[in-house]
Amino acid sequence: VMATALCAGPLMLPDHVHAEGEPAHPTTGRTLFV
């Protein structure tokens, strides 16, 4: 497990981020609960 994690690290993708100021949709909280 540890060797796989160490070897996989450099190959994984950087995370995406989205545009500043973007609000959550009004139904997001309810959707997450459902």
ModelCIF file with pLDDT and N, C-alpha, C, O atoms, coordinates in Angstrom:
data_MODEL
#
_entry.id   MODEL 
#
_entity.id                         1 
_entity.type                       polymer 
_entity.pdbx_number_of_molecules   1 
#
_entity_poly.entity_id                      1 
_entity_poly.type                           'polypeptide(L)' 
_entity_poly.nstd_linkage                   no 
_entity_poly.nstd_monomer                   no 
_entity_poly.pdbx_seq_one_letter_code       VMATALCAGPLMLPDHVHAEGEPAHPTTGRTLFV 
_entity_poly.pdbx_seq_one_letter_code_can   VMATALCAGPLMLPDHVHAEGEPAHPTTGRTLFV 
_entity_poly.pdbx_strand_id                 A 
#
loop_
_entity_poly_seq.entity_id 
_entity_poly_seq.num 
_entity_poly_seq.mon_id 
_entity_poly_seq.hetero 
1 1  VAL n 
1 2  MET n 
1 3  ALA n 
1 4  THR n 
1 5  ALA n 
1 6  LEU n 
1 7  CYS n 
1 8  ALA n 
1 9  GLY n 
1 10 PRO n 
1 11 LEU n 
1 12 MET n 
1 13 LEU n 
1 14 PRO n 
1 15 ASP n 
1 16 HIS n 
1 17 VAL n 
1 18 HIS n 
1 19 ALA n 
1 20 GLU n 
1 21 GLY n 
1 22 GLU n 
1 23 PRO n 
1 24 ALA n 
1 25 HIS n 
1 26 PRO n 
1 27 THR n 
1 28 THR n 
1 29 GLY n 
1 30 ARG n 
1 31 THR n 
1 32 LEU n 
1 33 PHE n 
1 34 VAL n 
#
_struct_asym.id          A 
_struct_asym.entity_id   1 
#
loop_
_ma_qa_metric.id 
_ma_qa_metric.mode 
_ma_qa_metric.name 
_ma_qa_metric.software_group_id 
_ma_qa_metric.type 
1 global pLDDT . pLDDT 
2 local  pLDDT . pLDDT 
#
_ma_qa_metric_global.metric_id      1 
_ma_qa_metric_global.metric_value   76.79 
_ma_qa_metric_global.model_id       1 
_ma_qa_metric_global.ordinal_id     1 
#
loop_
_ma_qa_metric_local.label_asym_id 
_ma_qa_metric_local.label_comp_id 
_ma_qa_metric_local.label_seq_id 
_ma_qa_metric_local.metric_id 
_ma_qa_metric_local.metric_value 
_ma_qa_metric_local.model_id 
_ma_qa_metric_local.ordinal_id 
A VAL 1  2 97.00 1 1  
A MET 2  2 97.00 1 2  
A ALA 3  2 97.00 1 3  
A THR 4  2 97.00 1 4  
A ALA 5  2 96.00 1 5  
A LEU 6  2 96.00 1 6  
A CYS 7  2 95.00 1 7  
A ALA 8  2 94.00 1 8  
A GLY 9  2 91.00 1 9  
A PRO 10 2 92.00 1 10 
A LEU 11 2 91.00 1 11 
A MET 12 2 91.00 1 12 
A LEU 13 2 87.00 1 13 
A PRO 14 2 84.00 1 14 
A ASP 15 2 73.00 1 15 
A HIS 16 2 59.00 1 16 
A VAL 17 2 49.00 1 17 
A HIS 18 2 44.00 1 18 
A ALA 19 2 41.00 1 19 
A GLU 20 2 44.00 1 20 
A GLY 21 2 44.00 1 21 
A GLU 22 2 51.00 1 22 
A PRO 23 2 56.00 1 23 
A ALA 24 2 56.00 1 24 
A HIS 25 2 57.00 1 25 
A PRO 26 2 62.00 1 26 
A THR 27 2 69.00 1 27 
A THR 28 2 72.00 1 28 
A GLY 29 2 79.00 1 29 
A ARG 30 2 87.00 1 30 
A THR 31 2 87.00 1 31 
A LEU 32 2 90.00 1 32 
A PHE 33 2 92.00 1 33 
A VAL 34 2 94.00 1 34 
#
loop_
_atom_site.group_PDB 
_atom_site.id 
_atom_site.type_symbol 
_atom_site.label_atom_id 
_atom_site.label_alt_id 
_atom_site.label_comp_id 
_atom_site.label_asym_id 
_atom_site.label_entity_id 
_atom_site.label_seq_id 
_atom_site.pdbx_PDB_ins_code 
_atom_site.Cartn_x 
_atom_site.Cartn_y 
_atom_site.Cartn_z 
_atom_site.occupancy 
_atom_site.B_iso_or_equiv 
_atom_site.pdbx_formal_charge 
_atom_site.auth_seq_id 
_atom_site.auth_comp_id 
_atom_site.auth_asym_id 
_atom_site.auth_atom_id 
_atom_site.pdbx_PDB_model_num 
ATOM 1   N N  . VAL A 1 1  ? 0.836   -1.203 0.000   1.00 97.00 ? 1  VAL A N  1 
ATOM 2   C CA . VAL A 1 1  ? 0.000   0.000  0.000   1.00 97.00 ? 1  VAL A CA 1 
ATOM 3   C C  . VAL A 1 1  ? 0.869   1.251  0.000   1.00 97.00 ? 1  VAL A C  1 
ATOM 4   O O  . VAL A 1 1  ? 0.642   2.168  -0.789  1.00 97.00 ? 1  VAL A O  1 
ATOM 5   N N  . MET A 1 2  ? 1.863   1.291  0.881   1.00 97.00 ? 2  MET A N  1 
ATOM 6   C CA . MET A 1 2  ? 2.695   2.482  0.977   1.00 97.00 ? 2  MET A CA 1 
ATOM 7   C C  . MET A 1 2  ? 3.504   2.706  -0.293  1.00 97.00 ? 2  MET A C  1 
ATOM 8   O O  . MET A 1 2  ? 3.634   3.840  -0.752  1.00 97.00 ? 2  MET A O  1 
ATOM 9   N N  . ALA A 1 3  ? 4.047   1.642  -0.860  1.00 97.00 ? 3  ALA A N  1 
ATOM 10  C CA . ALA A 1 3  ? 4.815   1.780  -2.094  1.00 97.00 ? 3  ALA A CA 1 
ATOM 11  C C  . ALA A 1 3  ? 3.924   2.253  -3.239  1.00 97.00 ? 3  ALA A C  1 
ATOM 12  O O  . ALA A 1 3  ? 4.336   3.084  -4.049  1.00 97.00 ? 3  ALA A O  1 
ATOM 13  N N  . THR A 1 4  ? 2.703   1.723  -3.304  1.00 97.00 ? 4  THR A N  1 
ATOM 14  C CA . THR A 1 4  ? 1.776   2.133  -4.358  1.00 97.00 ? 4  THR A CA 1 
ATOM 15  C C  . THR A 1 4  ? 1.425   3.603  -4.229  1.00 97.00 ? 4  THR A C  1 
ATOM 16  O O  . THR A 1 4  ? 1.399   4.327  -5.224  1.00 97.00 ? 4  THR A O  1 
ATOM 17  N N  . ALA A 1 5  ? 1.152   4.055  -2.997  1.00 96.00 ? 5  ALA A N  1 
ATOM 18  C CA . ALA A 1 5  ? 0.810   5.464  -2.778  1.00 96.00 ? 5  ALA A CA 1 
ATOM 19  C C  . ALA A 1 5  ? 1.972   6.373  -3.172  1.00 96.00 ? 5  ALA A C  1 
ATOM 20  O O  . ALA A 1 5  ? 1.766   7.402  -3.815  1.00 96.00 ? 5  ALA A O  1 
ATOM 21  N N  . LEU A 1 6  ? 3.188   5.996  -2.791  1.00 96.00 ? 6  LEU A N  1 
ATOM 22  C CA . LEU A 1 6  ? 4.356   6.820  -3.118  1.00 96.00 ? 6  LEU A CA 1 
ATOM 23  C C  . LEU A 1 6  ? 4.605   6.870  -4.620  1.00 96.00 ? 6  LEU A C  1 
ATOM 24  O O  . LEU A 1 6  ? 4.944   7.923  -5.159  1.00 96.00 ? 6  LEU A O  1 
ATOM 25  N N  . CYS A 1 7  ? 4.438   5.743  -5.293  1.00 95.00 ? 7  CYS A N  1 
ATOM 26  C CA . CYS A 1 7  ? 4.657   5.705  -6.741  1.00 95.00 ? 7  CYS A CA 1 
ATOM 27  C C  . CYS A 1 7  ? 3.541   6.419  -7.500  1.00 95.00 ? 7  CYS A C  1 
ATOM 28  O O  . CYS A 1 7  ? 3.781   7.015  -8.550  1.00 95.00 ? 7  CYS A O  1 
ATOM 29  N N  . ALA A 1 8  ? 2.321   6.355  -6.965  1.00 94.00 ? 8  ALA A N  1 
ATOM 30  C CA . ALA A 1 8  ? 1.185   6.971  -7.652  1.00 94.00 ? 8  ALA A CA 1 
ATOM 31  C C  . ALA A 1 8  ? 1.204   8.493  -7.532  1.00 94.00 ? 8  ALA A C  1 
ATOM 32  O O  . ALA A 1 8  ? 0.729   9.194  -8.426  1.00 94.00 ? 8  ALA A O  1 
ATOM 33  N N  . GLY A 1 9  ? 1.753   9.004  -6.426  1.00 91.00 ? 9  GLY A N  1 
ATOM 34  C CA . GLY A 1 9  ? 1.703   10.430 -6.168  1.00 91.00 ? 9  GLY A CA 1 
ATOM 35  C C  . GLY A 1 9  ? 2.147   11.309 -7.328  1.00 91.00 ? 9  GLY A C  1 
ATOM 36  O O  . GLY A 1 9  ? 1.392   12.194 -7.731  1.00 91.00 ? 9  GLY A O  1 
ATOM 37  N N  . PRO A 1 10 ? 3.338   11.105 -7.882  1.00 92.00 ? 10 PRO A N  1 
ATOM 38  C CA . PRO A 1 10 ? 3.788   11.979 -8.974  1.00 92.00 ? 10 PRO A CA 1 
ATOM 39  C C  . PRO A 1 10 ? 2.962   11.863 -10.247 1.00 92.00 ? 10 PRO A C  1 
ATOM 40  O O  . PRO A 1 10 ? 3.018   12.746 -11.103 1.00 92.00 ? 10 PRO A O  1 
ATOM 41  N N  . LEU A 1 11 ? 2.193   10.781 -10.385 1.00 91.00 ? 11 LEU A N  1 
ATOM 42  C CA . LEU A 1 11 ? 1.422   10.557 -11.604 1.00 91.00 ? 11 LEU A CA 1 
ATOM 43  C C  . LEU A 1 11 ? 0.013   11.117 -11.536 1.00 91.00 ? 11 LEU A C  1 
ATOM 44  O O  . LEU A 1 11 ? -0.657  11.240 -12.562 1.00 91.00 ? 11 LEU A O  1 
ATOM 45  N N  . MET A 1 12 ? -0.450  11.462 -10.326 1.00 91.00 ? 12 MET A N  1 
ATOM 46  C CA . MET A 1 12 ? -1.815  11.937 -10.173 1.00 91.00 ? 12 MET A CA 1 
ATOM 47  C C  . MET A 1 12 ? -1.964  13.369 -10.656 1.00 91.00 ? 12 MET A C  1 
ATOM 48  O O  . MET A 1 12 ? -0.988  14.113 -10.751 1.00 91.00 ? 12 MET A O  1 
ATOM 49  N N  . LEU A 1 13 ? -3.202  13.743 -10.961 1.00 87.00 ? 13 LEU A N  1 
ATOM 50  C CA . LEU A 1 13 ? -3.478  15.064 -11.524 1.00 87.00 ? 13 LEU A CA 1 
ATOM 51  C C  . LEU A 1 13 ? -3.654  16.115 -10.443 1.00 87.00 ? 13 LEU A C  1 
ATOM 52  O O  . LEU A 1 13 ? -4.125  15.802 -9.350  1.00 87.00 ? 13 LEU A O  1 
ATOM 53  N N  . PRO A 1 14 ? -3.281  17.363 -10.730 1.00 84.00 ? 14 PRO A N  1 
ATOM 54  C CA . PRO A 1 14 ? -3.599  18.458 -9.795  1.00 84.00 ? 14 PRO A CA 1 
ATOM 55  C C  . PRO A 1 14 ? -5.092  18.697 -9.781  1.00 84.00 ? 14 PRO A C  1 
ATOM 56  O O  . PRO A 1 14 ? -5.793  18.412 -10.752 1.00 84.00 ? 14 PRO A O  1 
ATOM 57  N N  . ASP A 1 15 ? -5.572  19.228 -8.661  1.00 73.00 ? 15 ASP A N  1 
ATOM 58  C CA . ASP A 1 15 ? -7.002  19.457 -8.522  1.00 73.00 ? 15 ASP A CA 1 
ATOM 59  C C  . ASP A 1 15 ? -7.442  20.671 -9.312  1.00 73.00 ? 15 ASP A C  1 
ATOM 60  O O  . ASP A 1 15 ? -6.681  21.616 -9.515  1.00 73.00 ? 15 ASP A O  1 
ATOM 61  N N  . HIS A 1 16 ? -8.700  20.623 -9.758  1.00 59.00 ? 16 HIS A N  1 
ATOM 62  C CA . HIS A 1 16 ? -9.287  21.781 -10.424 1.00 59.00 ? 16 HIS A CA 1 
ATOM 63  C C  . HIS A 1 16 ? -9.857  22.740 -9.391  1.00 59.00 ? 16 HIS A C  1 
ATOM 64  O O  . HIS A 1 16 ? -10.273 22.331 -8.307  1.00 59.00 ? 16 HIS A O  1 
ATOM 65  N N  . VAL A 1 17 ? -9.870  24.005 -9.737  1.00 49.00 ? 17 VAL A N  1 
ATOM 66  C CA . VAL A 1 17 ? -10.537 25.023 -8.923  1.00 49.00 ? 17 VAL A CA 1 
ATOM 67  C C  . VAL A 1 17 ? -11.458 25.809 -9.842  1.00 49.00 ? 17 VAL A C  1 
ATOM 68  O O  . VAL A 1 17 ? -11.229 25.864 -11.050 1.00 49.00 ? 17 VAL A O  1 
ATOM 69  N N  . HIS A 1 18 ? -12.513 26.429 -9.273  1.00 44.00 ? 18 HIS A N  1 
ATOM 70  C CA . HIS A 1 18 ? -13.439 27.149 -10.136 1.00 44.00 ? 18 HIS A CA 1 
ATOM 71  C C  . HIS A 1 18 ? -13.416 28.646 -9.855  1.00 44.00 ? 18 HIS A C  1 
ATOM 72  O O  . HIS A 1 18 ? -12.789 29.114 -8.905  1.00 44.00 ? 18 HIS A O  1 
ATOM 73  N N  . ALA A 1 19 ? -14.104 29.360 -10.689 1.00 41.00 ? 19 ALA A N  1 
ATOM 74  C CA . ALA A 1 19 ? -13.967 30.814 -10.717 1.00 41.00 ? 19 ALA A CA 1 
ATOM 75  C C  . ALA A 1 19 ? -14.386 31.459 -9.405  1.00 41.00 ? 19 ALA A C  1 
ATOM 76  O O  . ALA A 1 19 ? -15.368 31.056 -8.780  1.00 41.00 ? 19 ALA A O  1 
ATOM 77  N N  . GLU A 1 20 ? -13.620 32.473 -8.999  1.00 44.00 ? 20 GLU A N  1 
ATOM 78  C CA . GLU A 1 20 ? -13.849 33.143 -7.727  1.00 44.00 ? 20 GLU A CA 1 
ATOM 79  C C  . GLU A 1 20 ? -15.217 33.812 -7.701  1.00 44.00 ? 20 GLU A C  1 
ATOM 80  O O  . GLU A 1 20 ? -15.666 34.399 -8.685  1.00 44.00 ? 20 GLU A O  1 
ATOM 81  N N  . GLY A 1 21 ? -15.866 33.703 -6.535  1.00 44.00 ? 21 GLY A N  1 
ATOM 82  C CA . GLY A 1 21 ? -17.149 34.333 -6.350  1.00 44.00 ? 21 GLY A CA 1 
ATOM 83  C C  . GLY A 1 21 ? -18.326 33.482 -6.756  1.00 44.00 ? 21 GLY A C  1 
ATOM 84  O O  . GLY A 1 21 ? -19.469 33.927 -6.647  1.00 44.00 ? 21 GLY A O  1 
ATOM 85  N N  . GLU A 1 22 ? -18.085 32.278 -7.218  1.00 51.00 ? 22 GLU A N  1 
ATOM 86  C CA . GLU A 1 22 ? -19.188 31.426 -7.641  1.00 51.00 ? 22 GLU A CA 1 
ATOM 87  C C  . GLU A 1 22 ? -19.963 30.931 -6.428  1.00 51.00 ? 22 GLU A C  1 
ATOM 88  O O  . GLU A 1 22 ? -19.384 30.290 -5.550  1.00 51.00 ? 22 GLU A O  1 
ATOM 89  N N  . PRO A 1 23 ? -21.266 31.217 -6.361  1.00 56.00 ? 23 PRO A N  1 
ATOM 90  C CA . PRO A 1 23 ? -22.043 30.779 -5.209  1.00 56.00 ? 23 PRO A CA 1 
ATOM 91  C C  . PRO A 1 23 ? -22.526 29.346 -5.364  1.00 56.00 ? 23 PRO A C  1 
ATOM 92  O O  . PRO A 1 23 ? -22.577 28.804 -6.468  1.00 56.00 ? 23 PRO A O  1 
ATOM 93  N N  . ALA A 1 24 ? -22.876 28.750 -4.241  1.00 56.00 ? 24 ALA A N  1 
ATOM 94  C CA . ALA A 1 24 ? -23.517 27.445 -4.281  1.00 56.00 ? 24 ALA A CA 1 
ATOM 95  C C  . ALA A 1 24 ? -24.939 27.619 -4.791  1.00 56.00 ? 24 ALA A C  1 
ATOM 96  O O  . ALA A 1 24 ? -25.561 28.660 -4.580  1.00 56.00 ? 24 ALA A O  1 
ATOM 97  N N  . HIS A 1 25 ? -25.449 26.593 -5.465  1.00 57.00 ? 25 HIS A N  1 
ATOM 98  C CA . HIS A 1 25 ? -26.835 26.615 -5.912  1.00 57.00 ? 25 HIS A CA 1 
ATOM 99  C C  . HIS A 1 25 ? -27.745 26.527 -4.695  1.00 57.00 ? 25 HIS A C  1 
ATOM 100 O O  . HIS A 1 25 ? -27.384 25.870 -3.718  1.00 57.00 ? 25 HIS A O  1 
ATOM 101 N N  . PRO A 1 26 ? -28.916 27.167 -4.717  1.00 62.00 ? 26 PRO A N  1 
ATOM 102 C CA . PRO A 1 26 ? -29.805 27.130 -3.545  1.00 62.00 ? 26 PRO A CA 1 
ATOM 103 C C  . PRO A 1 26 ? -30.193 25.728 -3.088  1.00 62.00 ? 26 PRO A C  1 
ATOM 104 O O  . PRO A 1 26 ? -30.506 25.516 -1.917  1.00 62.00 ? 26 PRO A O  1 
ATOM 105 N N  . THR A 1 27 ? -30.172 24.771 -4.017  1.00 69.00 ? 27 THR A N  1 
ATOM 106 C CA . THR A 1 27 ? -30.574 23.405 -3.654  1.00 69.00 ? 27 THR A CA 1 
ATOM 107 C C  . THR A 1 27 ? -29.392 22.510 -3.287  1.00 69.00 ? 27 THR A C  1 
ATOM 108 O O  . THR A 1 27 ? -29.580 21.319 -3.039  1.00 69.00 ? 27 THR A O  1 
ATOM 109 N N  . THR A 1 28 ? -28.174 23.063 -3.249  1.00 72.00 ? 28 THR A N  1 
ATOM 110 C CA . THR A 1 28 ? -26.998 22.221 -3.031  1.00 72.00 ? 28 THR A CA 1 
ATOM 111 C C  . THR A 1 28 ? -27.058 21.465 -1.704  1.00 72.00 ? 28 THR A C  1 
ATOM 112 O O  . THR A 1 28 ? -26.797 20.262 -1.662  1.00 72.00 ? 28 THR A O  1 
ATOM 113 N N  . GLY A 1 29 ? -27.400 22.167 -0.623  1.00 79.00 ? 29 GLY A N  1 
ATOM 114 C CA . GLY A 1 29 ? -27.450 21.510 0.678   1.00 79.00 ? 29 GLY A CA 1 
ATOM 115 C C  . GLY A 1 29 ? -28.453 20.382 0.719   1.00 79.00 ? 29 GLY A C  1 
ATOM 116 O O  . GLY A 1 29 ? -28.173 19.305 1.246   1.00 79.00 ? 29 GLY A O  1 
ATOM 117 N N  . ARG A 1 30 ? -29.629 20.634 0.158   1.00 87.00 ? 30 ARG A N  1 
ATOM 118 C CA . ARG A 1 30 ? -30.657 19.587 0.137   1.00 87.00 ? 30 ARG A CA 1 
ATOM 119 C C  . ARG A 1 30 ? -30.217 18.417 -0.735  1.00 87.00 ? 30 ARG A C  1 
ATOM 120 O O  . ARG A 1 30 ? -30.438 17.258 -0.383  1.00 87.00 ? 30 ARG A O  1 
ATOM 121 N N  . THR A 1 31 ? -29.592 18.721 -1.873  1.00 87.00 ? 31 THR A N  1 
ATOM 122 C CA . THR A 1 31 ? -29.128 17.657 -2.759  1.00 87.00 ? 31 THR A CA 1 
ATOM 123 C C  . THR A 1 31 ? -28.096 16.780 -2.067  1.00 87.00 ? 31 THR A C  1 
ATOM 124 O O  . THR A 1 31 ? -28.132 15.556 -2.190  1.00 87.00 ? 31 THR A O  1 
ATOM 125 N N  . LEU A 1 32 ? -27.182 17.400 -1.344  1.00 90.00 ? 32 LEU A N  1 
ATOM 126 C CA . LEU A 1 32 ? -26.150 16.638 -0.649  1.00 90.00 ? 32 LEU A CA 1 
ATOM 127 C C  . LEU A 1 32 ? -26.769 15.727 0.404   1.00 90.00 ? 32 LEU A C  1 
ATOM 128 O O  . LEU A 1 32 ? -26.338 14.586 0.574   1.00 90.00 ? 32 LEU A O  1 
ATOM 129 N N  . PHE A 1 33 ? -27.779 16.229 1.111   1.00 92.00 ? 33 PHE A N  1 
ATOM 130 C CA . PHE A 1 33 ? -28.457 15.403 2.111   1.00 92.00 ? 33 PHE A CA 1 
ATOM 131 C C  . PHE A 1 33 ? -29.161 14.214 1.454   1.00 92.00 ? 33 PHE A C  1 
ATOM 132 O O  . PHE A 1 33 ? -29.076 13.089 1.948   1.00 92.00 ? 33 PHE A O  1 
ATOM 133 N N  . VAL A 1 34 ? -29.856 14.465 0.342   1.00 94.00 ? 34 VAL A N  1 
ATOM 134 C CA . VAL A 1 34 ? -30.571 13.385 -0.342  1.00 94.00 ? 34 VAL A CA 1 
ATOM 135 C C  . VAL A 1 34 ? -29.595 12.349 -0.891  1.00 94.00 ? 34 VAL A C  1 
ATOM 136 O O  . VAL A 1 34 ? -30.016 11.365 -1.499  1.00 94.00 ? 34 VAL A O  1 
#
